[in-house]
Amino acid sequence: MLAYATQLTRDRAAAEDVVQEALVRAWRHPDSLDSGKGSVRGWLLTVVRNIVLDQIRARNRRPPEVRESPPDAAVEGDHADHVVNSMVVVDALSTLSAEHRAVLEQVYLKGNTVTEAAEALGIPPGTVKSRSYYALRALREAGRERLAS
């Protein structure tokens, strides 16, 4: 019975379920086995075939099952995170000293090199590097504090 069911279903686990169902039906209807109309083996194989056919018909009657796919990504990115980050940066910039803000403005907003920023601010290049390092560090800490609260 198992070999026949496996041949019909092409799936060992499904075939085992079919054979189990056939044996349960035989157990529930023992009078069908003693009717004298044919062999018990033939009756069981017919039951197996009918169960497989019933499963196929039931599967075909239902709409096909489709895996749930993740939603498509938005065509346009959400700018809310950008707005929040900008607000946090602007707020954190207000906590910096005027010297630190001026260095960050020259280097990051205007895109000047260290030498160009030093000339524009009238300070040595080493001071520009030092102030930008400490300004970014302070800005990072202030941003963390604002995001945490």
N, C-alpha and C. Protein backbone atom coordinates (compact mmCIF):
# COMPACT_ATOMS: atom_id res chain seq x y z
N MET A 1 0.82 -1.19 0.00
CA MET A 1 0.00 0.00 0.00
C MET A 1 0.87 1.26 0.00
N LEU A 2 1.93 1.24 0.79
CA LEU A 2 2.79 2.41 0.87
C LEU A 2 3.48 2.67 -0.46
N ALA A 3 3.95 1.64 -1.12
CA ALA A 3 4.60 1.81 -2.43
C ALA A 3 3.61 2.38 -3.45
N TYR A 4 2.39 1.89 -3.44
CA TYR A 4 1.37 2.37 -4.37
C TYR A 4 1.03 3.83 -4.08
N ALA A 5 0.86 4.16 -2.81
CA ALA A 5 0.54 5.53 -2.43
C ALA A 5 1.70 6.47 -2.76
N THR A 6 2.94 6.01 -2.56
CA THR A 6 4.11 6.82 -2.90
C THR A 6 4.18 7.07 -4.40
N GLN A 7 3.83 6.06 -5.18
CA GLN A 7 3.82 6.19 -6.63
C GLN A 7 2.77 7.21 -7.06
N LEU A 8 1.62 7.22 -6.40
CA LEU A 8 0.55 8.15 -6.76
C LEU A 8 0.85 9.59 -6.33
N THR A 9 1.40 9.74 -5.14
CA THR A 9 1.61 11.08 -4.59
C THR A 9 2.98 11.66 -4.90
N ARG A 10 3.94 10.79 -5.17
CA ARG A 10 5.34 11.19 -5.39
C ARG A 10 5.91 11.93 -4.18
N ASP A 11 5.39 11.57 -3.01
CA ASP A 11 5.84 12.19 -1.76
C ASP A 11 5.68 11.16 -0.65
N ARG A 12 6.78 10.76 -0.03
CA ARG A 12 6.75 9.69 0.97
C ARG A 12 5.88 10.08 2.18
N ALA A 13 6.03 11.31 2.66
CA ALA A 13 5.26 11.73 3.83
C ALA A 13 3.76 11.76 3.52
N ALA A 14 3.41 12.28 2.35
CA ALA A 14 2.00 12.32 1.97
C ALA A 14 1.46 10.91 1.78
N ALA A 15 2.29 10.02 1.24
CA ALA A 15 1.88 8.63 1.04
C ALA A 15 1.62 7.94 2.38
N GLU A 16 2.45 8.23 3.37
CA GLU A 16 2.23 7.65 4.69
C GLU A 16 0.91 8.12 5.28
N ASP A 17 0.59 9.39 5.08
CA ASP A 17 -0.69 9.91 5.56
C ASP A 17 -1.86 9.23 4.86
N VAL A 18 -1.72 8.98 3.56
CA VAL A 18 -2.78 8.32 2.79
C VAL A 18 -2.99 6.90 3.29
N VAL A 19 -1.90 6.16 3.50
CA VAL A 19 -2.01 4.78 3.98
C VAL A 19 -2.64 4.76 5.37
N GLN A 20 -2.24 5.69 6.22
CA GLN A 20 -2.84 5.74 7.55
C GLN A 20 -4.34 6.00 7.45
N GLU A 21 -4.75 6.92 6.59
CA GLU A 21 -6.17 7.19 6.42
C GLU A 21 -6.91 5.96 5.89
N ALA A 22 -6.29 5.23 4.95
CA ALA A 22 -6.92 4.02 4.40
C ALA A 22 -7.10 2.96 5.49
N LEU A 23 -6.09 2.81 6.34
CA LEU A 23 -6.21 1.82 7.42
C LEU A 23 -7.25 2.24 8.45
N VAL A 24 -7.37 3.53 8.70
CA VAL A 24 -8.40 4.01 9.63
C VAL A 24 -9.78 3.73 9.05
N ARG A 25 -9.93 3.95 7.74
CA ARG A 25 -11.24 3.66 7.12
C ARG A 25 -11.55 2.17 7.16
N ALA A 26 -10.55 1.32 6.99
CA ALA A 26 -10.76 -0.12 7.07
C ALA A 26 -11.15 -0.52 8.49
N TRP A 27 -10.54 0.10 9.46
CA TRP A 27 -10.84 -0.20 10.84
C TRP A 27 -12.24 0.26 11.22
N ARG A 28 -12.68 1.40 10.68
CA ARG A 28 -14.01 1.92 10.98
C ARG A 28 -15.12 1.14 10.26
N HIS A 29 -14.79 0.52 9.13
CA HIS A 29 -15.78 -0.20 8.34
C HIS A 29 -15.32 -1.64 8.10
N PRO A 30 -15.24 -2.44 9.14
CA PRO A 30 -14.77 -3.82 8.96
C PRO A 30 -15.72 -4.66 8.11
N ASP A 31 -16.99 -4.27 8.06
CA ASP A 31 -17.95 -5.04 7.28
C ASP A 31 -17.65 -4.96 5.78
N SER A 32 -16.98 -3.89 5.32
CA SER A 32 -16.62 -3.77 3.89
C SER A 32 -15.57 -4.79 3.50
N LEU A 33 -14.78 -5.23 4.45
CA LEU A 33 -13.71 -6.19 4.17
C LEU A 33 -14.25 -7.61 4.01
N ASP A 34 -15.39 -7.93 4.66
CA ASP A 34 -15.94 -9.28 4.64
C ASP A 34 -17.08 -9.44 3.65
N SER A 35 -17.26 -8.50 2.76
CA SER A 35 -18.44 -8.55 1.89
C SER A 35 -18.38 -9.66 0.85
N GLY A 36 -17.22 -10.23 0.61
CA GLY A 36 -17.09 -11.30 -0.36
C GLY A 36 -17.06 -10.82 -1.79
N LYS A 37 -16.96 -9.53 -2.01
CA LYS A 37 -16.97 -8.99 -3.37
C LYS A 37 -15.58 -9.01 -4.00
N GLY A 38 -14.56 -9.16 -3.24
CA GLY A 38 -13.21 -9.16 -3.80
C GLY A 38 -12.20 -9.28 -2.70
N SER A 39 -10.95 -9.10 -3.06
CA SER A 39 -9.89 -9.25 -2.07
C SER A 39 -9.78 -8.00 -1.21
N VAL A 40 -9.27 -8.22 -0.02
CA VAL A 40 -9.05 -7.12 0.91
C VAL A 40 -7.99 -6.18 0.35
N ARG A 41 -6.97 -6.77 -0.27
CA ARG A 41 -5.88 -5.98 -0.86
C ARG A 41 -6.43 -5.04 -1.93
N GLY A 42 -7.26 -5.54 -2.78
CA GLY A 42 -7.86 -4.73 -3.83
C GLY A 42 -8.70 -3.59 -3.27
N TRP A 43 -9.48 -3.93 -2.21
CA TRP A 43 -10.31 -2.90 -1.58
C TRP A 43 -9.44 -1.80 -0.98
N LEU A 44 -8.35 -2.17 -0.29
CA LEU A 44 -7.46 -1.20 0.33
C LEU A 44 -6.76 -0.32 -0.73
N LEU A 45 -6.33 -0.93 -1.83
CA LEU A 45 -5.68 -0.15 -2.88
C LEU A 45 -6.66 0.82 -3.53
N THR A 46 -7.92 0.39 -3.66
CA THR A 46 -8.95 1.30 -4.20
C THR A 46 -9.19 2.46 -3.25
N VAL A 47 -9.21 2.16 -1.96
CA VAL A 47 -9.38 3.22 -0.96
C VAL A 47 -8.21 4.21 -1.03
N VAL A 48 -7.00 3.69 -1.17
CA VAL A 48 -5.81 4.55 -1.28
C VAL A 48 -5.94 5.46 -2.51
N ARG A 49 -6.30 4.88 -3.64
CA ARG A 49 -6.46 5.66 -4.87
C ARG A 49 -7.53 6.73 -4.70
N ASN A 50 -8.65 6.37 -4.07
CA ASN A 50 -9.74 7.33 -3.88
C ASN A 50 -9.33 8.48 -2.95
N ILE A 51 -8.56 8.16 -1.94
CA ILE A 51 -8.08 9.21 -1.03
C ILE A 51 -7.18 10.19 -1.77
N VAL A 52 -6.26 9.66 -2.58
CA VAL A 52 -5.35 10.51 -3.35
C VAL A 52 -6.15 11.38 -4.32
N LEU A 53 -7.11 10.79 -5.01
CA LEU A 53 -7.94 11.55 -5.94
C LEU A 53 -8.74 12.63 -5.22
N ASP A 54 -9.28 12.30 -4.04
CA ASP A 54 -10.02 13.30 -3.27
C ASP A 54 -9.12 14.46 -2.87
N GLN A 55 -7.88 14.17 -2.50
CA GLN A 55 -6.95 15.24 -2.13
C GLN A 55 -6.63 16.13 -3.33
N ILE A 56 -6.44 15.51 -4.48
CA ILE A 56 -6.15 16.29 -5.70
C ILE A 56 -7.33 17.17 -6.06
N ARG A 57 -8.53 16.60 -5.99
CA ARG A 57 -9.73 17.39 -6.32
C ARG A 57 -9.90 18.55 -5.34
N ALA A 58 -9.67 18.29 -4.07
CA ALA A 58 -9.81 19.34 -3.06
C ALA A 58 -8.77 20.45 -3.29
N ARG A 59 -7.56 20.06 -3.65
CA ARG A 59 -6.50 21.04 -3.90
C ARG A 59 -6.83 21.87 -5.14
N ASN A 60 -7.39 21.24 -6.17
CA ASN A 60 -7.74 21.96 -7.39
C ASN A 60 -8.95 22.88 -7.20
N ARG A 61 -9.80 22.56 -6.25
CA ARG A 61 -10.99 23.36 -6.01
C ARG A 61 -10.64 24.67 -5.31
N ARG A 62 -9.61 24.65 -4.48
CA ARG A 62 -9.19 25.86 -3.77
C ARG A 62 -8.32 26.72 -4.67
N PRO A 63 -8.30 28.01 -4.41
CA PRO A 63 -7.36 28.85 -5.17
C PRO A 63 -5.93 28.46 -4.81
N PRO A 64 -5.01 28.64 -5.73
CA PRO A 64 -3.63 28.23 -5.45
C PRO A 64 -3.05 29.01 -4.27
N GLU A 65 -2.28 28.32 -3.47
CA GLU A 65 -1.66 28.96 -2.32
C GLU A 65 -0.44 29.73 -2.79
N VAL A 66 -0.35 30.95 -2.33
CA VAL A 66 0.76 31.81 -2.70
C VAL A 66 1.49 32.21 -1.44
N ARG A 67 2.80 32.10 -1.49
CA ARG A 67 3.57 32.52 -0.33
C ARG A 67 3.42 34.02 -0.13
N GLU A 68 3.41 34.38 1.13
CA GLU A 68 3.30 35.80 1.44
C GLU A 68 4.64 36.44 1.15
N SER A 69 4.61 37.41 0.27
CA SER A 69 5.86 38.07 -0.11
C SER A 69 5.99 39.36 0.68
N PRO A 70 7.23 39.77 0.89
CA PRO A 70 7.41 41.02 1.62
C PRO A 70 6.87 42.19 0.78
N PRO A 71 6.37 43.19 1.44
CA PRO A 71 5.83 44.31 0.68
C PRO A 71 6.93 44.97 -0.16
N ASP A 72 6.52 45.47 -1.30
CA ASP A 72 7.48 46.14 -2.16
C ASP A 72 8.00 47.38 -1.46
N ALA A 73 9.26 47.66 -1.71
CA ALA A 73 9.86 48.84 -1.12
C ALA A 73 9.20 50.09 -1.69
N ALA A 74 9.11 51.08 -0.88
CA ALA A 74 8.50 52.32 -1.32
C ALA A 74 9.31 52.90 -2.48
N VAL A 75 8.61 53.42 -3.45
CA VAL A 75 9.27 54.00 -4.61
C VAL A 75 10.09 55.21 -4.19
N GLU A 76 9.53 55.98 -3.29
CA GLU A 76 10.20 57.17 -2.82
C GLU A 76 10.57 56.94 -1.36
N GLY A 77 11.81 57.23 -1.02
CA GLY A 77 12.25 57.01 0.35
C GLY A 77 11.57 57.94 1.33
N ASP A 78 11.38 57.46 2.52
CA ASP A 78 10.77 58.27 3.57
C ASP A 78 11.82 59.23 4.10
N HIS A 79 11.52 60.50 4.11
CA HIS A 79 12.49 61.50 4.53
C HIS A 79 12.35 61.87 6.00
N ALA A 80 11.50 61.20 6.73
CA ALA A 80 11.27 61.53 8.14
C ALA A 80 12.54 61.35 8.96
N ASP A 81 13.29 60.27 8.72
CA ASP A 81 14.53 60.04 9.46
C ASP A 81 15.53 61.15 9.17
N HIS A 82 15.59 61.57 7.92
CA HIS A 82 16.51 62.65 7.55
C HIS A 82 16.15 63.94 8.27
N VAL A 83 14.87 64.24 8.35
CA VAL A 83 14.41 65.45 9.03
C VAL A 83 14.75 65.40 10.51
N VAL A 84 14.49 64.26 11.13
CA VAL A 84 14.78 64.11 12.56
C VAL A 84 16.28 64.24 12.81
N ASN A 85 17.09 63.58 11.98
CA ASN A 85 18.54 63.67 12.15
C ASN A 85 19.03 65.11 11.96
N SER A 86 18.46 65.81 10.99
CA SER A 86 18.85 67.21 10.77
C SER A 86 18.51 68.07 11.98
N MET A 87 17.34 67.82 12.56
CA MET A 87 16.94 68.59 13.74
C MET A 87 17.87 68.31 14.91
N VAL A 88 18.25 67.06 15.08
CA VAL A 88 19.15 66.69 16.17
C VAL A 88 20.52 67.34 15.96
N VAL A 89 21.02 67.35 14.71
CA VAL A 89 22.32 67.94 14.43
C VAL A 89 22.28 69.45 14.66
N VAL A 90 21.23 70.11 14.20
CA VAL A 90 21.12 71.57 14.39
C VAL A 90 21.06 71.89 15.88
N ASP A 91 20.30 71.10 16.61
CA ASP A 91 20.19 71.32 18.06
C ASP A 91 21.53 71.07 18.74
N ALA A 92 22.23 70.02 18.32
CA ALA A 92 23.53 69.70 18.91
C ALA A 92 24.57 70.75 18.55
N LEU A 93 24.48 71.32 17.34
CA LEU A 93 25.42 72.37 16.93
C LEU A 93 25.31 73.60 17.83
N SER A 94 24.12 73.85 18.33
CA SER A 94 23.93 75.03 19.19
C SER A 94 24.68 74.89 20.52
N THR A 95 25.05 73.68 20.88
CA THR A 95 25.78 73.48 22.14
C THR A 95 27.28 73.68 21.97
N LEU A 96 27.78 73.74 20.74
CA LEU A 96 29.21 73.88 20.50
C LEU A 96 29.64 75.34 20.66
N SER A 97 30.93 75.50 20.90
CA SER A 97 31.48 76.86 20.98
C SER A 97 31.50 77.47 19.58
N ALA A 98 31.61 78.78 19.52
CA ALA A 98 31.63 79.48 18.23
C ALA A 98 32.83 79.06 17.38
N GLU A 99 33.98 78.80 18.02
CA GLU A 99 35.18 78.39 17.29
C GLU A 99 34.96 77.01 16.65
N HIS A 100 34.38 76.11 17.40
CA HIS A 100 34.12 74.75 16.86
C HIS A 100 33.11 74.80 15.73
N ARG A 101 32.04 75.59 15.89
CA ARG A 101 31.04 75.71 14.82
C ARG A 101 31.65 76.30 13.56
N ALA A 102 32.52 77.28 13.72
CA ALA A 102 33.14 77.93 12.57
C ALA A 102 34.02 76.95 11.80
N VAL A 103 34.76 76.12 12.50
CA VAL A 103 35.62 75.13 11.84
C VAL A 103 34.77 74.11 11.10
N LEU A 104 33.73 73.61 11.74
CA LEU A 104 32.86 72.63 11.07
C LEU A 104 32.18 73.24 9.86
N GLU A 105 31.79 74.50 9.95
CA GLU A 105 31.16 75.17 8.82
C GLU A 105 32.12 75.25 7.64
N GLN A 106 33.36 75.63 7.91
CA GLN A 106 34.35 75.76 6.84
C GLN A 106 34.66 74.40 6.20
N VAL A 107 34.87 73.38 7.02
CA VAL A 107 35.33 72.09 6.51
C VAL A 107 34.17 71.28 5.92
N TYR A 108 33.04 71.20 6.61
CA TYR A 108 31.98 70.29 6.18
C TYR A 108 30.89 70.96 5.34
N LEU A 109 30.52 72.17 5.68
CA LEU A 109 29.45 72.81 4.92
C LEU A 109 29.98 73.46 3.64
N LYS A 110 31.11 74.13 3.75
CA LYS A 110 31.67 74.80 2.57
C LYS A 110 32.60 73.89 1.77
N GLY A 111 33.02 72.79 2.38
CA GLY A 111 33.86 71.82 1.68
C GLY A 111 35.30 72.28 1.51
N ASN A 112 35.76 73.18 2.33
CA ASN A 112 37.13 73.65 2.25
C ASN A 112 38.11 72.61 2.79
N THR A 113 39.32 72.66 2.28
CA THR A 113 40.38 71.82 2.83
C THR A 113 40.82 72.43 4.15
N VAL A 114 41.68 71.72 4.87
CA VAL A 114 42.17 72.21 6.15
C VAL A 114 42.93 73.53 5.93
N THR A 115 43.74 73.59 4.89
CA THR A 115 44.52 74.80 4.60
C THR A 115 43.61 75.97 4.27
N GLU A 116 42.60 75.73 3.44
CA GLU A 116 41.66 76.80 3.07
C GLU A 116 40.87 77.27 4.29
N ALA A 117 40.45 76.34 5.15
CA ALA A 117 39.73 76.72 6.36
C ALA A 117 40.63 77.52 7.29
N ALA A 118 41.90 77.13 7.38
CA ALA A 118 42.85 77.86 8.24
C ALA A 118 43.03 79.28 7.74
N GLU A 119 43.13 79.46 6.43
CA GLU A 119 43.28 80.80 5.87
C GLU A 119 42.02 81.63 6.10
N ALA A 120 40.85 81.02 5.90
CA ALA A 120 39.59 81.76 6.07
C ALA A 120 39.38 82.18 7.52
N LEU A 121 39.80 81.34 8.46
CA LEU A 121 39.58 81.62 9.88
C LEU A 121 40.75 82.38 10.50
N GLY A 122 41.90 82.39 9.81
CA GLY A 122 43.08 83.09 10.34
C GLY A 122 43.74 82.33 11.48
N ILE A 123 43.70 80.99 11.41
CA ILE A 123 44.34 80.16 12.44
C ILE A 123 45.23 79.13 11.74
N PRO A 124 46.17 78.53 12.48
CA PRO A 124 47.05 77.54 11.87
C PRO A 124 46.27 76.27 11.47
N PRO A 125 46.76 75.52 10.45
CA PRO A 125 46.09 74.28 10.03
C PRO A 125 45.98 73.25 11.15
N GLY A 126 46.97 73.15 12.00
CA GLY A 126 46.91 72.20 13.11
C GLY A 126 45.76 72.50 14.05
N THR A 127 45.47 73.78 14.23
CA THR A 127 44.36 74.18 15.09
C THR A 127 43.03 73.81 14.44
N VAL A 128 42.95 73.92 13.11
CA VAL A 128 41.74 73.52 12.40
C VAL A 128 41.49 72.03 12.60
N LYS A 129 42.56 71.24 12.47
CA LYS A 129 42.43 69.79 12.67
C LYS A 129 41.99 69.47 14.09
N SER A 130 42.63 70.11 15.05
CA SER A 130 42.31 69.84 16.46
C SER A 130 40.87 70.26 16.78
N ARG A 131 40.49 71.46 16.34
CA ARG A 131 39.13 71.92 16.63
C ARG A 131 38.07 71.06 15.93
N SER A 132 38.35 70.61 14.71
CA SER A 132 37.37 69.77 14.01
C SER A 132 37.22 68.42 14.71
N TYR A 133 38.34 67.89 15.21
CA TYR A 133 38.28 66.61 15.93
C TYR A 133 37.42 66.75 17.19
N TYR A 134 37.72 67.75 18.00
CA TYR A 134 36.98 67.92 19.26
C TYR A 134 35.54 68.39 19.02
N ALA A 135 35.33 69.16 17.97
CA ALA A 135 33.97 69.60 17.65
C ALA A 135 33.11 68.41 17.23
N LEU A 136 33.65 67.53 16.40
CA LEU A 136 32.90 66.34 15.99
C LEU A 136 32.62 65.42 17.16
N ARG A 137 33.60 65.30 18.03
CA ARG A 137 33.42 64.46 19.22
C ARG A 137 32.31 65.02 20.10
N ALA A 138 32.32 66.32 20.33
CA ALA A 138 31.29 66.96 21.15
C ALA A 138 29.93 66.87 20.46
N LEU A 139 29.93 67.04 19.14
CA LEU A 139 28.68 66.94 18.38
C LEU A 139 28.09 65.54 18.47
N ARG A 140 28.94 64.53 18.36
CA ARG A 140 28.49 63.15 18.47
C ARG A 140 27.88 62.88 19.83
N GLU A 141 28.53 63.34 20.88
CA GLU A 141 28.02 63.14 22.25
C GLU A 141 26.69 63.86 22.44
N ALA A 142 26.61 65.09 21.96
CA ALA A 142 25.36 65.86 22.10
C ALA A 142 24.23 65.19 21.33
N GLY A 143 24.55 64.65 20.14
CA GLY A 143 23.54 63.94 19.35
C GLY A 143 23.04 62.70 20.05
N ARG A 144 23.96 61.95 20.65
CA ARG A 144 23.55 60.75 21.40
C ARG A 144 22.63 61.09 22.56
N GLU A 145 22.98 62.16 23.27
CA GLU A 145 22.16 62.57 24.41
C GLU A 145 20.75 62.98 23.97
N ARG A 146 20.66 63.67 22.83
CA ARG A 146 19.36 64.12 22.36
C ARG A 146 18.52 62.98 21.81
N LEU A 147 19.17 62.02 21.15
CA LEU A 147 18.42 60.86 20.63
C LEU A 147 17.97 59.95 21.76
N ALA A 148 18.76 59.89 22.83
CA ALA A 148 18.42 59.02 23.95
C ALA A 148 17.23 59.58 24.73
N SER A 149 17.09 60.89 24.71
CA SER A 149 15.99 61.48 25.50
C SER A 149 14.80 61.82 24.66
